[in-house]
Protein backbone atom coordinates (compact mmCIF):
# COMPACT_ATOMS: atom_id res chain seq x y z
CA MET A 1 7.78 1.73 20.76
CA LYS A 2 7.80 3.56 17.37
CA GLU A 3 5.73 1.49 15.02
CA SER A 4 5.57 2.18 11.36
CA ILE A 5 3.02 1.69 8.68
CA LEU A 6 4.73 -1.59 7.78
CA ASP A 7 4.20 -2.81 11.34
CA VAL A 8 0.50 -2.14 11.13
CA LEU A 9 0.26 -3.69 7.62
CA LEU A 10 2.16 -6.87 8.81
CA TYR A 11 -0.02 -7.15 11.85
CA LEU A 12 -3.20 -6.76 9.64
CA PHE A 13 -1.87 -9.29 7.09
CA GLU A 14 -0.80 -11.83 9.65
CA HIS A 15 -3.86 -11.68 11.92
CA TYR A 16 -6.74 -10.85 9.57
CA ILE A 17 -6.17 -10.93 5.83
CA SER A 18 -4.16 -14.07 5.30
CA GLU A 19 -6.05 -16.10 7.85
CA ASP A 20 -9.23 -16.01 5.86
CA ALA A 21 -9.16 -14.27 2.48
CA ASP A 22 -12.94 -14.51 2.19
CA LEU A 23 -13.64 -12.96 5.53
CA VAL A 24 -15.04 -9.49 5.06
CA ARG A 25 -14.46 -7.13 7.90
CA ASP A 26 -15.38 -3.59 8.05
CA ARG A 27 -12.84 -0.87 8.55
CA ASP A 28 -14.11 0.01 12.04
CA SER A 29 -13.73 -3.37 13.47
CA LEU A 30 -10.27 -3.69 11.91
CA GLN A 31 -9.36 -0.32 13.44
CA ASN A 32 -10.68 -1.26 16.82
CA GLY A 33 -8.61 -4.43 16.65
CA LEU A 34 -5.44 -2.50 15.75
CA LEU A 35 -6.06 0.00 18.49
CA GLN A 36 -6.42 -2.81 21.02
CA ALA A 37 -3.16 -4.30 19.75
CA GLY A 38 -1.52 -1.02 20.70
CA PHE A 39 -1.02 0.72 17.33
CA SER A 40 -1.62 4.59 17.23
CA PRO A 41 -4.57 6.06 15.29
CA ALA A 42 -2.18 8.00 12.96
CA GLU A 43 -0.35 4.86 11.95
CA ILE A 44 -3.50 2.91 11.44
CA SER A 45 -4.87 5.68 9.16
CA LYS A 46 -1.70 5.76 7.23
CA ALA A 47 -1.78 1.95 6.72
CA PHE A 48 -5.40 2.08 5.51
CA ASP A 49 -4.37 4.75 3.07
CA TRP A 50 -1.44 2.50 1.93
CA LEU A 51 -3.94 -0.28 1.38
CA ASP A 52 -6.43 1.93 -0.45
CA ALA A 53 -3.67 2.98 -2.81
CA LEU A 54 -2.64 -0.60 -3.39
CA ALA A 55 -6.24 -1.50 -4.27
CA ASP A 56 -6.56 1.59 -6.63
CA GLN A 57 -3.48 0.65 -8.59
CA ARG A 58 -4.31 -2.82 -9.95
CA PRO A 59 -2.36 -3.26 -13.15
CA VAL A 60 -4.11 -3.86 -16.31
CA PRO A 61 -4.00 -7.56 -17.23
CA GLY A 62 -1.75 -8.29 -20.25
CA PRO A 63 0.90 -10.63 -21.41
CA ALA A 64 3.67 -10.91 -18.87
CA ARG A 65 7.02 -10.19 -20.32
CA SER A 66 10.35 -11.01 -18.71
CA ASP A 67 12.40 -9.71 -21.69
CA GLY A 68 11.52 -6.07 -21.25
CA PRO A 69 13.86 -3.19 -20.61
CA THR A 70 15.99 -3.09 -17.42
CA ARG A 71 14.67 -0.92 -14.66
CA VAL A 72 16.93 1.83 -13.68
CA TYR A 73 16.69 2.98 -10.14
CA PHE A 74 17.31 6.67 -9.05
CA GLY A 75 17.70 9.00 -6.15
CA PRO A 76 15.23 8.08 -3.39
CA GLU A 77 14.77 4.57 -4.63
CA LEU A 78 18.49 3.94 -4.36
CA ASP A 79 18.50 5.51 -0.83
CA LYS A 80 15.57 3.26 0.24
CA LEU A 81 16.36 0.01 -1.53
CA ASP A 82 19.72 -1.49 -1.09
CA VAL A 83 21.51 -3.69 -3.69
CA ASP A 84 20.01 -6.88 -2.29
CA CYS A 85 16.38 -5.45 -2.66
CA ARG A 86 16.99 -4.33 -6.15
CA GLY A 87 18.60 -7.58 -7.08
CA PHE A 88 15.64 -9.48 -5.57
CA LEU A 89 13.14 -7.53 -7.69
CA LEU A 90 15.17 -8.22 -10.81
CA PHE A 91 15.21 -11.92 -9.75
CA LEU A 92 11.45 -12.02 -9.32
CA GLU A 93 10.93 -10.34 -12.69
CA GLN A 94 13.31 -12.48 -14.62
CA HIS A 95 11.69 -15.66 -13.22
CA GLY A 96 8.12 -14.51 -14.02
CA ILE A 97 6.97 -14.02 -10.38
CA LEU A 98 6.49 -10.29 -11.08
CA ASP A 99 5.83 -8.65 -14.39
CA ALA A 100 7.00 -5.09 -15.03
CA GLN A 101 3.68 -3.54 -13.90
CA GLN A 102 3.65 -5.50 -10.64
CA ARG A 103 7.26 -4.52 -10.06
CA GLU A 104 6.34 -0.91 -10.34
CA LEU A 105 3.52 -1.38 -8.10
CA VAL A 106 5.85 -3.08 -5.49
CA LEU A 107 8.19 -0.10 -5.91
CA ASP A 108 5.29 2.50 -5.48
CA ARG A 109 4.12 0.75 -2.25
CA ALA A 110 7.70 0.31 -0.91
CA MET A 111 8.42 4.01 -1.46
CA ALA A 112 5.13 4.92 0.27
CA LEU A 113 6.23 3.29 3.42
CA ASP A 114 7.44 5.73 6.20
CA GLN A 115 10.91 4.16 6.45
CA ASP A 116 14.27 5.66 5.32
CA GLU A 117 15.44 2.11 4.31
CA LEU A 118 13.92 -1.15 3.57
CA ASP A 119 15.66 -4.47 4.15
CA LEU A 120 15.13 -7.48 2.15
CA ASP A 121 12.65 -9.08 4.48
CA ASP A 122 10.55 -5.91 4.54
CA LEU A 123 10.54 -5.81 0.79
CA LYS A 124 9.40 -9.38 0.51
CA TRP A 125 6.43 -8.61 2.74
CA VAL A 126 5.58 -5.82 0.37
CA VAL A 127 5.81 -8.12 -2.57
CA LEU A 128 3.65 -10.71 -0.83
CA MET A 129 0.94 -8.07 -0.08
CA VAL A 130 0.98 -6.84 -3.66
CA LEU A 131 0.72 -10.34 -5.07
CA PHE A 132 -2.21 -11.11 -2.62
CA ASN A 133 -4.02 -8.21 -4.06
CA GLN A 134 -3.43 -9.09 -7.74
CA PRO A 135 -6.11 -11.24 -9.49
CA GLY A 136 -4.41 -14.13 -11.35
CA SER A 137 -1.31 -14.04 -9.17
CA GLU A 138 -2.25 -16.99 -7.01
CA ALA A 139 0.70 -19.06 -8.17
CA ALA A 140 3.23 -16.24 -7.80
CA TYR A 141 1.81 -15.56 -4.40
CA ALA A 142 2.00 -19.25 -3.29
CA TRP A 143 5.62 -19.39 -4.42
CA MET A 144 6.45 -16.20 -2.65
CA GLU A 145 4.80 -17.36 0.69
CA THR A 146 6.67 -20.53 0.43
CA GLN A 147 9.91 -18.64 0.09
CA MET A 148 9.19 -16.53 3.07
CA PHE A 149 8.28 -19.30 5.37
CA ALA A 150 10.46 -22.19 4.25
CA ASP A 151 13.61 -22.88 6.16
CA GLU A 152 15.55 -23.05 2.85
CA PRO A 153 14.01 -21.23 -0.06
CA GLU A 154 13.51 -23.32 -3.25
CA PRO A 155 15.03 -22.22 -6.44
CA VAL A 156 12.78 -21.12 -9.34
CA HIS A 157 13.18 -23.27 -12.34
């Protein structure tokens, strides 16, 4: 099986991070758990690098604006993110789930994945992981989590 960074991240998120956000685990125990789950050391290392980059790029808190300029996608972004993904990011920004800095962080982390293309479900996971890592984004994270796990997503009002 060819696993990707996203597979490792999803496994970490589902089995360790989201279960107990206050649980502090050292990298060695997490790595051992991932090795036992069947992930390769190279992919585990890439996933930890991805998470380190996410932690290093926390946006500076400021007033959230939904009336800013429109984001124009180019080259590799257009190749990796289809129209559904780009539309979803616009939707999240227009409805105050993501601000412009968080959107850019989501884009940065999506582009850092080792996949040629991301589908909407993959992008939603990236958004969820970014929001989980953002102080003050608890309500947006809760809304996003509801959208991912509900049978029928609720509209944003």
